[in-house]
């Protein structure tokens, strides 16, 4: 029992946010815009895979230009095609979709056939036709950047994105992708710079808030980090990760009922959140709810049999028989 008490005391540190365990399904979401940055409603998104000739998903973009889908086997590569009458078709090859979180595809810009330069799906312009505008050129550069990014050429993608925003500084999707790349490179200053421009141009880009909070924190600006964190919380009140962190905070403050409520809600949205089950098991143990403690500790072991808290869960299970 003394060992168990030492284990419980050690858990009063703040646990980190976690993601669910990988499964076979993959999920993806994205947005389709025109060259002016307006959403394209009714574009057809077609998903196929060379691995299964008969496989095909087809759906249309919503009023805000967004789309989302699930594939049952995330181990395969998929091809995507986005088309709409009057627009140049966009093709994306060899896409992989995450089994952990939704894969947020970079926004795709569709040019109208009248805007496209020769070689991008439209007839060659007549000799007297006007040259593409700078915003149209920016859209072409952005699409080229997305192609390079999806092909794994991130330096090439970054160069094209900078070319795009030089031609059209009011292209939010380009700033957003630049911010994401800067974040991946742990370039916190540029993450904040590019992310702020993206959010200023497109207030709906709320999925940047979490990265902005981390970038500000890593930069040492605690006040800014708190502001972005508050924006993230307001925009994502039912995020499983956010609810998990609220549960952690309540647990560390000894507020077991609050922790139980937050963790239970997180697990409703994300049933395979392993650390959520572990912590709810600990909360239930502290509340002397043996059946619940046994259920969640065992579920944690089922999900992460060799996880970092596996030894603790195994030690506690005999105490809640």
C-alpha atoms as a PDB file:
ATOM      1  CA  UNK A   1       0.000   0.000   0.000  1.00  0.00           C
ATOM      2  CA  UNK A   2       2.934   2.354   0.692  1.00  0.00           C
ATOM      3  CA  UNK A   3       4.170   1.823  -2.846  1.00  0.00           C
ATOM      4  CA  UNK A   4       0.717   2.685  -4.157  1.00  0.00           C
ATOM      5  CA  UNK A   5       0.629   5.891  -2.114  1.00  0.00           C
ATOM      6  CA  UNK A   6       4.022   6.899  -3.518  1.00  0.00           C
ATOM      7  CA  UNK A   7       2.702   6.281  -7.024  1.00  0.00           C
ATOM      8  CA  UNK A   8      -0.358   8.433  -6.385  1.00  0.00           C
ATOM      9  CA  UNK A   9       1.798  11.237  -5.026  1.00  0.00           C
ATOM     10  CA  UNK A  10       4.002  11.111  -8.094  1.00  0.00           C
ATOM     11  CA  UNK A  11       0.970  11.722 -10.300  1.00  0.00           C
ATOM     12  CA  UNK A  12       0.450  15.217  -8.947  1.00  0.00           C
ATOM     13  CA  UNK A  13       2.595  16.566 -11.803  1.00  0.00           C
ATOM     14  CA  UNK A  14       0.778  17.996 -14.832  1.00  0.00           C
ATOM     15  CA  UNK A  15       0.332  15.283 -17.457  1.00  0.00           C
ATOM     16  CA  UNK A  16       0.779  16.220 -21.105  1.00  0.00           C
ATOM     17  CA  UNK A  17      -2.019  16.281 -23.661  1.00  0.00           C
ATOM     18  CA  UNK A  18      -2.151  13.070 -25.655  1.00  0.00           C
ATOM     19  CA  UNK A  19      -3.591  11.731 -28.882  1.00  0.00           C
ATOM     20  CA  UNK A  20      -5.479   8.503 -29.441  1.00  0.00           C
ATOM     21  CA  UNK A  21      -3.871   5.291 -30.496  1.00  0.00           C
ATOM     22  CA  UNK A  22      -3.542   4.572 -34.187  1.00  0.00           C
ATOM     23  CA  UNK A  23      -6.215   2.500 -35.850  1.00  0.00           C
ATOM     24  CA  UNK A  24      -6.881   1.511 -39.427  1.00  0.00           C
ATOM     25  CA  UNK A  25      -9.184   4.339 -40.404  1.00  0.00           C
ATOM     26  CA  UNK A  26      -7.920   7.676 -41.656  1.00  0.00           C
ATOM     27  CA  UNK A  27      -9.806  10.974 -41.666  1.00  0.00           C
ATOM     28  CA  UNK A  28      -9.207  14.082 -43.719  1.00  0.00           C
ATOM     29  CA  UNK A  29     -10.745  17.514 -44.130  1.00  0.00           C
ATOM     30  CA  UNK A  30     -10.014  20.477 -46.326  1.00  0.00           C
ATOM     31  CA  UNK A  31     -11.313  23.615 -47.994  1.00  0.00           C
ATOM     32  CA  UNK A  32     -11.598  24.716 -51.618  1.00  0.00           C
ATOM     33  CA  UNK A  33     -11.223  28.401 -52.514  1.00  0.00           C
ATOM     34  CA  UNK A  34     -11.217  30.470 -55.664  1.00  0.00           C
ATOM     35  CA  UNK A  35      -8.363  32.756 -56.705  1.00  0.00           C
ATOM     36  CA  UNK A  36      -9.814  35.586 -54.597  1.00  0.00           C
ATOM     37  CA  UNK A  37      -9.896  33.414 -51.479  1.00  0.00           C
ATOM     38  CA  UNK A  38     -13.689  32.880 -51.544  1.00  0.00           C
ATOM     39  CA  UNK A  39     -15.092  29.405 -50.782  1.00  0.00           C
ATOM     40  CA  UNK A  40     -16.107  27.247 -53.747  1.00  0.00           C
ATOM     41  CA  UNK A  41     -19.420  25.524 -53.052  1.00  0.00           C
ATOM     42  CA  UNK A  42     -20.470  22.431 -54.979  1.00  0.00           C
ATOM     43  CA  UNK A  43     -17.035  21.333 -56.177  1.00  0.00           C
ATOM     44  CA  UNK A  44     -16.831  17.550 -56.558  1.00  0.00           C
ATOM     45  CA  UNK A  45     -14.076  15.862 -54.544  1.00  0.00           C
ATOM     46  CA  UNK A  46     -13.198  12.365 -55.769  1.00  0.00           C
ATOM     47  CA  UNK A  47     -10.925  10.030 -53.790  1.00  0.00           C
ATOM     48  CA  UNK A  48      -9.452   6.887 -55.376  1.00  0.00           C
ATOM     49  CA  UNK A  49      -6.541   4.551 -54.712  1.00  0.00           C
ATOM     50  CA  UNK A  50      -4.381   2.645 -57.196  1.00  0.00           C
ATOM     51  CA  UNK A  51      -4.367  -0.253 -54.731  1.00  0.00           C
ATOM     52  CA  UNK A  52      -8.087  -0.971 -55.308  1.00  0.00           C
ATOM     53  CA  UNK A  53      -9.331  -0.213 -58.804  1.00  0.00           C
ATOM     54  CA  UNK A  54     -12.987  -0.259 -57.770  1.00  0.00           C
ATOM     55  CA  UNK A  55     -12.560   2.088 -54.788  1.00  0.00           C
ATOM     56  CA  UNK A  56     -14.072   5.553 -55.181  1.00  0.00           C
ATOM     57  CA  UNK A  57     -15.403   8.201 -52.793  1.00  0.00           C
ATOM     58  CA  UNK A  58     -17.270  11.177 -54.203  1.00  0.00           C
ATOM     59  CA  UNK A  59     -18.803  14.150 -52.417  1.00  0.00           C
ATOM     60  CA  UNK A  60     -19.283  17.895 -52.856  1.00  0.00           C
ATOM     61  CA  UNK A  61     -17.959  20.881 -50.952  1.00  0.00           C
ATOM     62  CA  UNK A  62     -20.278  22.736 -48.598  1.00  0.00           C
ATOM     63  CA  UNK A  63     -21.290  26.387 -48.725  1.00  0.00           C
ATOM     64  CA  UNK A  64     -18.094  27.381 -46.905  1.00  0.00           C
ATOM     65  CA  UNK A  65     -16.005  25.318 -49.348  1.00  0.00           C
ATOM     66  CA  UNK A  66     -15.172  22.614 -46.810  1.00  0.00           C
ATOM     67  CA  UNK A  67     -15.219  18.854 -47.195  1.00  0.00           C
ATOM     68  CA  UNK A  68     -14.347  15.843 -45.054  1.00  0.00           C
ATOM     69  CA  UNK A  69     -14.208  12.073 -45.408  1.00  0.00           C
ATOM     70  CA  UNK A  70     -13.061   8.801 -43.841  1.00  0.00           C
ATOM     71  CA  UNK A  71     -11.066   6.006 -45.482  1.00  0.00           C
ATOM     72  CA  UNK A  72     -11.099   2.565 -43.925  1.00  0.00           C
ATOM     73  CA  UNK A  73      -7.457   1.733 -44.613  1.00  0.00           C
ATOM     74  CA  UNK A  74      -5.005   4.524 -43.816  1.00  0.00           C
ATOM     75  CA  UNK A  75      -2.011   2.387 -44.752  1.00  0.00           C
ATOM     76  CA  UNK A  76      -2.633   2.979 -48.471  1.00  0.00           C
ATOM     77  CA  UNK A  77      -1.912   5.963 -50.693  1.00  0.00           C
ATOM     78  CA  UNK A  78      -4.870   7.840 -52.156  1.00  0.00           C
ATOM     79  CA  UNK A  79      -5.359  10.170 -55.115  1.00  0.00           C
ATOM     80  CA  UNK A  80      -7.722  13.134 -54.971  1.00  0.00           C
ATOM     81  CA  UNK A  81      -9.359  15.121 -57.742  1.00  0.00           C
ATOM     82  CA  UNK A  82     -11.350  18.329 -57.215  1.00  0.00           C
ATOM     83  CA  UNK A  83     -13.465  19.500 -60.131  1.00  0.00           C
ATOM     84  CA  UNK A  84     -16.283  21.857 -60.968  1.00  0.00           C
ATOM     85  CA  UNK A  85     -17.653  23.089 -64.254  1.00  0.00           C
ATOM     86  CA  UNK A  86     -15.979  26.355 -65.208  1.00  0.00           C
ATOM     87  CA  UNK A  87     -12.887  25.665 -63.077  1.00  0.00           C
ATOM     88  CA  UNK A  88      -9.546  24.022 -63.720  1.00  0.00           C
ATOM     89  CA  UNK A  89      -9.416  20.555 -62.115  1.00  0.00           C
ATOM     90  CA  UNK A  90      -7.035  20.184 -59.160  1.00  0.00           C
ATOM     91  CA  UNK A  91      -5.296  16.815 -58.696  1.00  0.00           C
ATOM     92  CA  UNK A  92      -3.438  15.566 -55.620  1.00  0.00           C
ATOM     93  CA  UNK A  93      -1.488  12.318 -55.824  1.00  0.00           C
ATOM     94  CA  UNK A  94      -0.222   9.830 -53.227  1.00  0.00           C
ATOM     95  CA  UNK A  95      -1.953  11.268 -50.167  1.00  0.00           C
ATOM     96  CA  UNK A  96      -1.602   9.605 -46.756  1.00  0.00           C
ATOM     97  CA  UNK A  97      -4.202  10.209 -44.061  1.00  0.00           C
ATOM     98  CA  UNK A  98      -3.497  10.123 -40.331  1.00  0.00           C
ATOM     99  CA  UNK A  99      -4.931   7.394 -38.111  1.00  0.00           C
ATOM    100  CA  UNK A 100      -4.633   9.623 -35.044  1.00  0.00           C
ATOM    101  CA  UNK A 101      -6.106  13.035 -35.796  1.00  0.00           C
ATOM    102  CA  UNK A 102      -7.933  14.500 -38.760  1.00  0.00           C
ATOM    103  CA  UNK A 103      -5.492  15.237 -41.578  1.00  0.00           C
ATOM    104  CA  UNK A 104      -6.023  18.916 -42.399  1.00  0.00           C
ATOM    105  CA  UNK A 105      -5.328  19.233 -46.107  1.00  0.00           C
ATOM    106  CA  UNK A 106      -3.849  22.578 -47.202  1.00  0.00           C
ATOM    107  CA  UNK A 107      -6.598  24.735 -48.750  1.00  0.00           C
ATOM    108  CA  UNK A 108      -6.859  24.174 -52.504  1.00  0.00           C
ATOM    109  CA  UNK A 109      -7.269  27.117 -54.871  1.00  0.00           C
ATOM    110  CA  UNK A 110      -9.333  26.484 -58.021  1.00  0.00           C
ATOM    111  CA  UNK A 111      -8.814  28.807 -60.959  1.00  0.00           C
ATOM    112  CA  UNK A 112     -11.675  29.551 -63.314  1.00  0.00           C
ATOM    113  CA  UNK A 113     -10.901  28.299 -66.797  1.00  0.00           C
ATOM    114  CA  UNK A 114     -10.789  31.905 -67.975  1.00  0.00           C
ATOM    115  CA  UNK A 115      -8.066  32.650 -65.411  1.00  0.00           C
ATOM    116  CA  UNK A 116      -5.800  29.688 -66.054  1.00  0.00           C
ATOM    117  CA  UNK A 117      -2.617  30.234 -68.074  1.00  0.00           C
ATOM    118  CA  UNK A 118      -1.888  27.796 -70.918  1.00  0.00           C
ATOM    119  CA  UNK A 119      -0.985  24.319 -69.716  1.00  0.00           C
ATOM    120  CA  UNK A 120      -3.266  24.334 -66.651  1.00  0.00           C
ATOM    121  CA  UNK A 121      -6.423  22.982 -68.219  1.00  0.00           C
ATOM    122  CA  UNK A 122      -7.495  25.893 -70.409  1.00  0.00           C
ATOM    123  CA  UNK A 123      -6.850  26.673 -74.067  1.00  0.00           C
ATOM    124  CA  UNK A 124      -3.896  28.916 -74.840  1.00  0.00           C
ATOM    125  CA  UNK A 125      -4.993  32.550 -74.595  1.00  0.00           C
ATOM    126  CA  UNK A 126      -5.329  34.570 -77.758  1.00  0.00           C
ATOM    127  CA  UNK A 127      -2.421  36.826 -78.636  1.00  0.00           C
ATOM    128  CA  UNK A 128      -4.375  39.899 -77.609  1.00  0.00           C
ATOM    129  CA  UNK A 129      -5.518  38.447 -74.288  1.00  0.00           C
ATOM    130  CA  UNK A 130      -4.373  40.183 -71.135  1.00  0.00           C
ATOM    131  CA  UNK A 131      -1.691  38.559 -69.029  1.00  0.00           C
ATOM    132  CA  UNK A 132      -2.853  36.846 -65.816  1.00  0.00           C
ATOM    133  CA  UNK A 133      -3.329  39.275 -62.925  1.00  0.00           C
ATOM    134  CA  UNK A 134      -0.977  39.154 -59.938  1.00  0.00           C
ATOM    135  CA  UNK A 135      -3.702  37.485 -57.834  1.00  0.00           C
ATOM    136  CA  UNK A 136      -4.106  34.809 -60.514  1.00  0.00           C
ATOM    137  CA  UNK A 137      -0.341  34.329 -60.657  1.00  0.00           C
ATOM    138  CA  UNK A 138      -0.331  34.026 -56.870  1.00  0.00           C
ATOM    139  CA  UNK A 139      -2.984  31.291 -57.046  1.00  0.00           C
ATOM    140  CA  UNK A 140      -0.866  29.373 -59.561  1.00  0.00           C
ATOM    141  CA  UNK A 141       2.196  29.691 -57.284  1.00  0.00           C
ATOM    142  CA  UNK A 142       0.147  28.557 -54.299  1.00  0.00           C
ATOM    143  CA  UNK A 143      -1.155  25.481 -56.120  1.00  0.00           C
ATOM    144  CA  UNK A 144       2.398  24.645 -57.176  1.00  0.00           C
ATOM    145  CA  UNK A 145       3.462  24.982 -53.522  1.00  0.00           C
ATOM    146  CA  UNK A 146       0.750  22.557 -52.413  1.00  0.00           C
ATOM    147  CA  UNK A 147       1.856  20.046 -55.052  1.00  0.00           C
ATOM    148  CA  UNK A 148       5.470  20.321 -53.838  1.00  0.00           C
ATOM    149  CA  UNK A 149       4.416  20.080 -50.194  1.00  0.00           C
ATOM    150  CA  UNK A 150       2.380  16.934 -50.833  1.00  0.00           C
ATOM    151  CA  UNK A 151       5.320  15.466 -52.733  1.00  0.00           C
ATOM    152  CA  UNK A 152       7.557  16.011 -49.701  1.00  0.00           C
ATOM    153  CA  UNK A 153       9.568  18.919 -51.146  1.00  0.00           C
ATOM    154  CA  UNK A 154       9.058  21.354 -48.279  1.00  0.00           C
ATOM    155  CA  UNK A 155      11.896  23.785 -49.218  1.00  0.00           C
ATOM    156  CA  UNK A 156      10.446  24.021 -52.720  1.00  0.00           C
ATOM    157  CA  UNK A 157       6.951  24.500 -51.293  1.00  0.00           C
ATOM    158  CA  UNK A 158       8.159  27.268 -48.981  1.00  0.00           C
ATOM    159  CA  UNK A 159       9.809  29.100 -51.875  1.00  0.00           C
ATOM    160  CA  UNK A 160       6.608  28.929 -53.934  1.00  0.00           C
ATOM    161  CA  UNK A 161       4.491  30.078 -50.985  1.00  0.00           C
ATOM    162  CA  UNK A 162       6.710  33.108 -50.494  1.00  0.00           C
ATOM    163  CA  UNK A 163       6.401  33.779 -54.202  1.00  0.00           C
ATOM    164  CA  UNK A 164       2.610  33.585 -53.855  1.00  0.00           C
ATOM    165  CA  UNK A 165       2.358  36.039 -50.948  1.00  0.00           C
ATOM    166  CA  UNK A 166       4.794  38.406 -52.662  1.00  0.00           C
ATOM    167  CA  UNK A 167       2.325  38.575 -55.559  1.00  0.00           C
ATOM    168  CA  UNK A 168      -0.769  38.619 -53.371  1.00  0.00           C
ATOM    169  CA  UNK A 169      -0.220  39.386 -49.664  1.00  0.00           C
ATOM    170  CA  UNK A 170      -3.936  38.828 -49.033  1.00  0.00           C
ATOM    171  CA  UNK A 171      -3.816  35.065 -49.625  1.00  0.00           C
ATOM    172  CA  UNK A 172      -4.696  33.571 -46.198  1.00  0.00           C
ATOM    173  CA  UNK A 173      -4.250  29.947 -47.213  1.00  0.00           C
ATOM    174  CA  UNK A 174      -0.632  30.633 -48.199  1.00  0.00           C
ATOM    175  CA  UNK A 175       0.143  32.347 -44.896  1.00  0.00           C
ATOM    176  CA  UNK A 176      -1.545  29.492 -43.047  1.00  0.00           C
ATOM    177  CA  UNK A 177       0.581  26.849 -44.748  1.00  0.00           C
ATOM    178  CA  UNK A 178       3.707  28.945 -44.163  1.00  0.00           C
ATOM    179  CA  UNK A 179       2.794  29.157 -40.473  1.00  0.00           C
ATOM    180  CA  UNK A 180       2.346  25.386 -40.291  1.00  0.00           C
ATOM    181  CA  UNK A 181       5.709  24.776 -41.931  1.00  0.00           C
ATOM    182  CA  UNK A 182       7.418  27.249 -39.606  1.00  0.00           C
ATOM    183  CA  UNK A 183       5.832  25.472 -36.639  1.00  0.00           C
ATOM    184  CA  UNK A 184       7.085  22.108 -37.869  1.00  0.00           C
ATOM    185  CA  UNK A 185      10.575  23.641 -38.059  1.00  0.00           C
ATOM    186  CA  UNK A 186      10.277  25.045 -34.496  1.00  0.00           C
ATOM    187  CA  UNK A 187      10.652  28.553 -35.946  1.00  0.00           C
ATOM    188  CA  UNK A 188       8.442  30.187 -33.340  1.00  0.00           C
ATOM    189  CA  UNK A 189       8.932  33.784 -34.474  1.00  0.00           C
ATOM    190  CA  UNK A 190       7.823  33.051 -38.031  1.00  0.00           C
ATOM    191  CA  UNK A 191       5.003  30.815 -36.793  1.00  0.00           C
ATOM    192  CA  UNK A 192       3.620  33.822 -34.928  1.00  0.00           C
ATOM    193  CA  UNK A 193       4.262  36.227 -37.805  1.00  0.00           C
ATOM    194  CA  UNK A 194       2.728  34.076 -40.530  1.00  0.00           C
ATOM    195  CA  UNK A 195      -0.061  32.767 -38.305  1.00  0.00           C
ATOM    196  CA  UNK A 196      -1.128  36.279 -37.318  1.00  0.00           C
ATOM    197  CA  UNK A 197      -1.362  37.277 -40.987  1.00  0.00           C
ATOM    198  CA  UNK A 198      -3.427  34.171 -41.760  1.00  0.00           C
ATOM    199  CA  UNK A 199      -5.855  34.812 -38.896  1.00  0.00           C
ATOM    200  CA  UNK A 200      -6.156  38.517 -39.707  1.00  0.00           C
ATOM    201  CA  UNK A 201      -7.143  37.637 -43.278  1.00  0.00           C
ATOM    202  CA  UNK A 202      -9.277  34.607 -42.371  1.00  0.00           C
ATOM    203  CA  UNK A 203     -10.757  34.740 -38.838  1.00  0.00           C
ATOM    204  CA  UNK A 204     -12.201  31.254 -39.379  1.00  0.00           C
ATOM    205  CA  UNK A 205      -8.671  29.754 -39.251  1.00  0.00           C
ATOM    206  CA  UNK A 206      -9.224  28.753 -35.625  1.00  0.00           C
ATOM    207  CA  UNK A 207      -7.188  25.567 -36.039  1.00  0.00           C
ATOM    208  CA  UNK A 208      -4.066  27.779 -35.859  1.00  0.00           C
ATOM    209  CA  UNK A 209      -4.815  28.940 -32.316  1.00  0.00           C
ATOM    210  CA  UNK A 210      -3.238  25.958 -30.577  1.00  0.00           C
ATOM    211  CA  UNK A 211       0.015  26.278 -32.535  1.00  0.00           C
ATOM    212  CA  UNK A 212       0.095  30.015 -31.906  1.00  0.00           C
ATOM    213  CA  UNK A 213      -0.248  29.392 -28.168  1.00  0.00           C
ATOM    214  CA  UNK A 214       2.644  26.912 -28.212  1.00  0.00           C
ATOM    215  CA  UNK A 215       4.798  29.203 -30.379  1.00  0.00           C
ATOM    216  CA  UNK A 216       4.203  32.133 -28.026  1.00  0.00           C
ATOM    217  CA  UNK A 217       5.002  29.976 -25.011  1.00  0.00           C
ATOM    218  CA  UNK A 218       8.201  28.677 -26.622  1.00  0.00           C
ATOM    219  CA  UNK A 219       9.148  32.279 -27.423  1.00  0.00           C
ATOM    220  CA  UNK A 220       8.820  33.182 -23.739  1.00  0.00           C
ATOM    221  CA  UNK A 221       5.778  35.432 -24.159  1.00  0.00           C
ATOM    222  CA  UNK A 222       3.505  33.965 -21.489  1.00  0.00           C
ATOM    223  CA  UNK A 223       0.888  36.695 -21.845  1.00  0.00           C
ATOM    224  CA  UNK A 224       0.507  36.111 -25.570  1.00  0.00           C
ATOM    225  CA  UNK A 225       0.466  32.342 -25.020  1.00  0.00           C
ATOM    226  CA  UNK A 226      -2.392  32.736 -22.532  1.00  0.00           C
ATOM    227  CA  UNK A 227      -4.333  34.903 -24.989  1.00  0.00           C
ATOM    228  CA  UNK A 228      -4.002  32.369 -27.811  1.00  0.00           C
ATOM    229  CA  UNK A 229      -4.798  29.516 -25.442  1.00  0.00           C
ATOM    230  CA  UNK A 230      -8.007  31.308 -24.409  1.00  0.00           C
ATOM    231  CA  UNK A 231      -8.936  31.781 -28.076  1.00  0.00           C
ATOM    232  CA  UNK A 232      -8.289  28.088 -28.684  1.00  0.00           C
ATOM    233  CA  UNK A 233     -10.445  27.070 -25.727  1.00  0.00           C
ATOM    234  CA  UNK A 234     -13.288  29.362 -26.823  1.00  0.00           C
ATOM    235  CA  UNK A 235     -13.157  27.974 -30.374  1.00  0.00           C
ATOM    236  CA  UNK A 236     -12.813  24.309 -29.352  1.00  0.00           C
ATOM    237  CA  UNK A 237     -14.841  23.829 -26.155  1.00  0.00           C
ATOM    238  CA  UNK A 238     -15.487  20.151 -26.862  1.00  0.00           C
ATOM    239  CA  UNK A 239     -11.999  19.185 -28.035  1.00  0.00           C
ATOM    240  CA  UNK A 240     -11.091  15.824 -26.409  1.00  0.00           C
ATOM    241  CA  UNK A 241      -7.521  17.029 -25.843  1.00  0.00           C
ATOM    242  CA  UNK A 242      -8.733  20.241 -24.224  1.00  0.00           C
ATOM    243  CA  UNK A 243     -11.189  18.339 -22.009  1.00  0.00           C
ATOM    244  CA  UNK A 244      -8.386  15.933 -21.096  1.00  0.00           C
ATOM    245  CA  UNK A 245      -6.159  18.819 -20.040  1.00  0.00           C
ATOM    246  CA  UNK A 246      -8.996  20.290 -17.981  1.00  0.00           C
ATOM    247  CA  UNK A 247      -9.298  16.899 -16.315  1.00  0.00           C
ATOM    248  CA  UNK A 248      -5.560  16.881 -15.603  1.00  0.00           C
ATOM    249  CA  UNK A 249      -5.747  20.367 -14.103  1.00  0.00           C
ATOM    250  CA  UNK A 250      -8.727  19.453 -11.912  1.00  0.00           C
ATOM    251  CA  UNK A 251      -7.022  16.212 -10.808  1.00  0.00           C
ATOM    252  CA  UNK A 252      -3.865  18.046  -9.812  1.00  0.00           C
ATOM    253  CA  UNK A 253      -5.953  20.483  -7.767  1.00  0.00           C
ATOM    254  CA  UNK A 254      -7.756  17.631  -6.027  1.00  0.00           C
ATOM    255  CA  UNK A 255     -11.106  18.458  -7.673  1.00  0.00           C
ATOM    256  CA  UNK A 256     -12.083  14.898  -8.476  1.00  0.00           C
ATOM    257  CA  UNK A 257     -15.690  15.534  -9.499  1.00  0.00           C
ATOM    258  CA  UNK A 258     -14.601  18.182 -12.011  1.00  0.00           C
ATOM    259  CA  UNK A 259     -11.882  15.870 -13.293  1.00  0.00           C
ATOM    260  CA  UNK A 260     -14.373  13.016 -13.629  1.00  0.00           C
ATOM    261  CA  UNK A 261     -16.812  15.162 -15.644  1.00  0.00           C
ATOM    262  CA  UNK A 262     -14.161  16.520 -18.024  1.00  0.00           C
ATOM    263  CA  UNK A 263     -12.489  13.157 -18.630  1.00  0.00           C
ATOM    264  CA  UNK A 264     -15.797  11.351 -19.140  1.00  0.00           C
ATOM    265  CA  UNK A 265     -16.787  13.903 -21.786  1.00  0.00           C
ATOM    266  CA  UNK A 266     -13.383  13.626 -23.477  1.00  0.00           C
ATOM    267  CA  UNK A 267     -13.746   9.856 -23.710  1.00  0.00           C
ATOM    268  CA  UNK A 268     -17.226  10.183 -25.217  1.00  0.00           C
ATOM    269  CA  UNK A 269     -15.637  11.955 -28.185  1.00  0.00           C
ATOM    270  CA  UNK A 270     -12.442   9.903 -28.248  1.00  0.00           C
ATOM    271  CA  UNK A 271     -13.022   6.450 -26.711  1.00  0.00           C
ATOM    272  CA  UNK A 272      -9.473   5.292 -27.501  1.00  0.00           C
ATOM    273  CA  UNK A 273      -7.762   8.134 -25.621  1.00  0.00           C
ATOM    274  CA  UNK A 274      -5.509   5.852 -23.587  1.00  0.00           C
ATOM    275  CA  UNK A 275      -4.249   8.390 -21.050  1.00  0.00           C
ATOM    276  CA  UNK A 276      -7.811   9.614 -20.606  1.00  0.00           C
ATOM    277  CA  UNK A 277      -8.785   6.138 -19.408  1.00  0.00           C
ATOM    278  CA  UNK A 278      -5.741   5.946 -17.145  1.00  0.00           C
ATOM    279  CA  UNK A 279      -6.434   9.279 -15.483  1.00  0.00           C
ATOM    280  CA  UNK A 280     -10.163   8.575 -15.140  1.00  0.00           C
ATOM    281  CA  UNK A 281      -9.169   5.291 -13.513  1.00  0.00           C
ATOM    282  CA  UNK A 282      -7.016   7.242 -11.044  1.00  0.00           C
ATOM    283  CA  UNK A 283      -9.842   9.698 -10.389  1.00  0.00           C
ATOM    284  CA  UNK A 284     -12.274   6.828  -9.805  1.00  0.00           C
ATOM    285  CA  UNK A 285      -9.749   5.181  -7.470  1.00  0.00           C
ATOM    286  CA  UNK A 286      -9.530   8.387  -5.429  1.00  0.00           C
ATOM    287  CA  UNK A 287     -13.345   8.582  -5.306  1.00  0.00           C
ATOM    288  CA  UNK A 288     -13.518   4.926  -4.194  1.00  0.00           C
ATOM    289  CA  UNK A 289     -15.480   3.986  -7.312  1.00  0.00           C
ATOM    290  CA  UNK A 290     -13.847   0.612  -7.689  1.00  0.00           C
ATOM    291  CA  UNK A 291     -15.847  -0.682 -10.639  1.00  0.00           C
ATOM    292  CA  UNK A 292     -15.127   2.456 -12.698  1.00  0.00           C
ATOM    293  CA  UNK A 293     -11.474   2.434 -11.640  1.00  0.00           C
ATOM    294  CA  UNK A 294     -11.134  -1.195 -12.700  1.00  0.00           C
ATOM    295  CA  UNK A 295     -12.880  -0.555 -16.029  1.00  0.00           C
ATOM    296  CA  UNK A 296     -10.710   2.417 -17.038  1.00  0.00           C
ATOM    297  CA  UNK A 297      -7.395   1.086 -15.777  1.00  0.00           C
ATOM    298  CA  UNK A 298      -8.004  -2.150 -17.675  1.00  0.00           C
ATOM    299  CA  UNK A 299      -9.016  -0.184 -20.775  1.00  0.00           C
ATOM    300  CA  UNK A 300      -5.749   1.760 -20.546  1.00  0.00           C
ATOM    301  CA  UNK A 301      -3.810  -1.515 -20.448  1.00  0.00           C
ATOM    302  CA  UNK A 302      -5.788  -2.827 -23.419  1.00  0.00           C
ATOM    303  CA  UNK A 303      -4.851   0.276 -25.417  1.00  0.00           C
ATOM    304  CA  UNK A 304      -1.280   0.656 -24.171  1.00  0.00           C
ATOM    305  CA  UNK A 305      -0.094  -2.655 -22.653  1.00  0.00           C
ATOM    306  CA  UNK A 306       3.468  -1.317 -22.567  1.00  0.00           C
ATOM    307  CA  UNK A 307       2.601   2.305 -21.876  1.00  0.00           C
ATOM    308  CA  UNK A 308       4.504   4.467 -19.412  1.00  0.00           C
ATOM    309  CA  UNK A 309       1.751   4.055 -16.796  1.00  0.00           C
ATOM    310  CA  UNK A 310       1.252   0.314 -17.364  1.00  0.00           C
ATOM    311  CA  UNK A 311       3.125  -0.666 -14.203  1.00  0.00           C
ATOM    312  CA  UNK A 312       1.026   1.716 -12.096  1.00  0.00           C
ATOM    313  CA  UNK A 313      -2.217   0.420 -13.606  1.00  0.00           C
ATOM    314  CA  UNK A 314      -1.185  -3.195 -12.948  1.00  0.00           C
ATOM    315  CA  UNK A 315      -0.320  -2.380  -9.332  1.00  0.00           C
ATOM    316  CA  UNK A 316      -3.661  -0.700  -8.714  1.00  0.00           C
ATOM    317  CA  UNK A 317      -5.942  -3.247 -10.406  1.00  0.00           C
ATOM    318  CA  UNK A 318      -5.746  -5.827  -7.554  1.00  0.00           C
ATOM    319  CA  UNK A 319      -6.852  -3.070  -5.154  1.00  0.00           C
ATOM    320  CA  UNK A 320     -10.135  -2.487  -7.015  1.00  0.00           C
ATOM    321  CA  UNK A 321     -11.268  -6.095  -7.428  1.00  0.00           C
END
